[in-house]
Amino acid sequence: MAIVRVLVAVACALVLTAPSTAAALSPDDHRPATMTMKYQAGGLVAVVHAPRTLVGVRPLVLTHDVSAQVLVRRGAVVVLVTDPSSLPRHRELWRELSAGTGPLAERFGGFAGHFSVAEP
């Protein structure tokens, strides 16, 4: 009877640890958890898409192109602005936030130190 229990336990272990026969997802299908936040500061309006967990330094992408969502899934912090001509002013807000100051510091203070603002 003990041998049967051992064989059942081994069979269960093999079934539970066997690789799945389901098709594996491609790397492009990986979608880490993201968060979306909106801000208004001095007449500037934007929507921020970022990984839910900010670990390390992430690239900051300021754009008006909605297709930038691919970058969010790959770990970037994306700021979608409504007016492309306001990109330099948004970039300045994020530079201030990087230093821990400015109008975004209260709401987005947790982002400080976790993004890098690309130079134009």
Protein backbone atom coordinates (compact mmCIF):
# COMPACT_ATOMS: atom_id res chain seq x y z
CA MET A 1 0.00 0.00 0.00
CA ALA A 2 2.90 2.37 0.75
CA ILE A 3 4.32 1.82 -2.72
CA VAL A 4 0.99 2.88 -4.25
CA ARG A 5 1.01 6.10 -2.27
CA VAL A 6 4.56 6.85 -3.40
CA LEU A 7 3.66 6.16 -7.05
CA VAL A 8 0.57 8.41 -6.79
CA ALA A 9 2.66 11.18 -5.23
CA VAL A 10 5.29 10.87 -7.98
CA ALA A 11 2.61 10.90 -10.68
CA CYS A 12 1.01 14.00 -9.16
CA ALA A 13 4.38 15.73 -8.96
CA LEU A 14 5.09 14.93 -12.61
CA VAL A 15 1.72 16.28 -13.73
CA LEU A 16 2.04 19.46 -11.65
CA THR A 17 5.58 20.25 -12.77
CA ALA A 18 5.26 19.26 -16.44
CA PRO A 19 5.63 22.09 -18.96
CA SER A 20 2.37 23.37 -20.34
CA THR A 21 1.37 22.21 -23.79
CA ALA A 22 -0.41 25.52 -24.41
CA ALA A 23 1.18 27.91 -26.86
CA ALA A 24 3.64 30.24 -25.15
CA LEU A 25 3.12 33.99 -25.36
CA SER A 26 5.57 35.97 -27.41
CA PRO A 27 7.68 38.65 -25.63
CA ASP A 28 5.47 41.30 -27.27
CA ASP A 29 2.41 39.85 -25.52
CA HIS A 30 3.91 40.47 -22.08
CA ARG A 31 2.00 43.31 -20.46
CA PRO A 32 3.20 44.34 -17.03
CA ALA A 33 0.70 46.04 -14.76
CA THR A 34 0.40 49.71 -15.61
CA MET A 35 -1.23 52.74 -14.04
CA THR A 36 -2.80 55.79 -15.64
CA MET A 37 -2.97 59.23 -14.03
CA LYS A 38 -3.96 62.64 -15.32
CA TYR A 39 -2.56 66.03 -14.37
CA GLN A 40 -3.35 69.69 -14.98
CA ALA A 41 -0.68 72.24 -14.14
CA GLY A 42 -0.72 75.85 -15.23
CA GLY A 43 -2.97 75.21 -18.21
CA LEU A 44 -1.05 72.09 -19.25
CA VAL A 45 -2.99 68.84 -19.41
CA ALA A 46 -1.50 65.36 -19.81
CA VAL A 47 -2.14 61.72 -19.10
CA VAL A 48 0.70 59.70 -17.58
CA HIS A 49 1.00 55.98 -18.26
CA ALA A 50 3.61 54.13 -16.24
CA PRO A 51 4.48 50.71 -14.85
CA ARG A 52 2.62 50.13 -11.59
CA THR A 53 5.91 49.29 -9.89
CA LEU A 54 8.70 51.77 -10.46
CA VAL A 55 12.01 50.04 -9.90
CA GLY A 56 15.22 51.59 -11.16
CA VAL A 57 15.35 54.44 -13.66
CA ARG A 58 12.82 54.32 -16.50
CA PRO A 59 12.93 56.33 -19.72
CA LEU A 60 10.47 59.21 -19.81
CA VAL A 61 8.71 59.68 -23.14
CA LEU A 62 6.78 62.91 -23.74
CA THR A 63 4.58 62.60 -26.80
CA HIS A 64 1.22 63.36 -28.37
CA ASP A 65 1.20 60.04 -30.26
CA VAL A 66 -1.25 57.58 -28.68
CA SER A 67 0.66 54.61 -30.14
CA ALA A 68 3.29 55.14 -27.43
CA GLN A 69 1.38 52.58 -25.33
CA VAL A 70 3.82 49.96 -26.58
CA LEU A 71 6.56 51.80 -24.70
CA VAL A 72 4.56 51.67 -21.46
CA ARG A 73 4.27 47.90 -21.77
CA ARG A 74 8.04 47.76 -22.11
CA GLY A 75 8.63 49.75 -18.92
CA ALA A 76 8.78 53.41 -19.99
CA VAL A 77 6.93 56.28 -18.33
CA VAL A 78 4.86 57.91 -21.08
CA VAL A 79 3.32 61.37 -20.83
CA LEU A 80 0.63 61.91 -23.47
CA VAL A 81 -0.01 65.60 -24.07
CA THR A 82 -2.96 67.10 -25.90
CA ASP A 83 -1.04 69.90 -27.61
CA PRO A 84 2.27 69.00 -29.32
CA SER A 85 3.46 72.62 -29.05
CA SER A 86 3.40 72.30 -25.25
CA LEU A 87 5.98 69.48 -25.13
CA PRO A 88 8.84 71.76 -23.98
CA ARG A 89 6.73 73.10 -21.10
CA HIS A 90 5.78 69.55 -20.02
CA ARG A 91 9.44 68.52 -20.24
CA GLU A 92 10.32 71.38 -17.86
CA LEU A 93 7.64 70.21 -15.38
CA TRP A 94 9.20 66.74 -15.34
CA ARG A 95 12.71 68.18 -14.94
CA GLU A 96 11.46 70.06 -11.88
CA LEU A 97 9.85 66.87 -10.58
CA SER A 98 13.15 65.07 -11.08
CA ALA A 99 14.64 67.59 -8.63
CA GLY A 100 11.70 67.04 -6.25
CA THR A 101 10.15 70.46 -6.90
CA GLY A 102 7.44 72.02 -9.04
CA PRO A 103 3.69 71.59 -9.34
CA LEU A 104 3.88 67.83 -10.02
CA ALA A 105 5.92 67.07 -6.87
CA GLU A 106 2.95 66.52 -4.57
CA ARG A 107 1.04 64.06 -6.77
CA PHE A 108 3.93 62.42 -8.63
CA GLY A 109 6.60 62.61 -5.92
CA GLY A 110 7.04 58.83 -6.01
CA PHE A 111 8.30 59.13 -9.58
CA ALA A 112 11.32 61.25 -8.58
CA GLY A 113 14.49 59.26 -9.11
CA HIS A 114 12.71 56.65 -11.25
CA PHE A 115 12.78 58.32 -14.66
CA SER A 116 15.24 60.10 -16.89
CA VAL A 117 14.22 63.06 -19.02
CA ALA A 118 15.68 62.79 -22.49
CA GLU A 119 17.32 65.90 -23.85
CA PRO A 120 15.75 67.20 -27.09
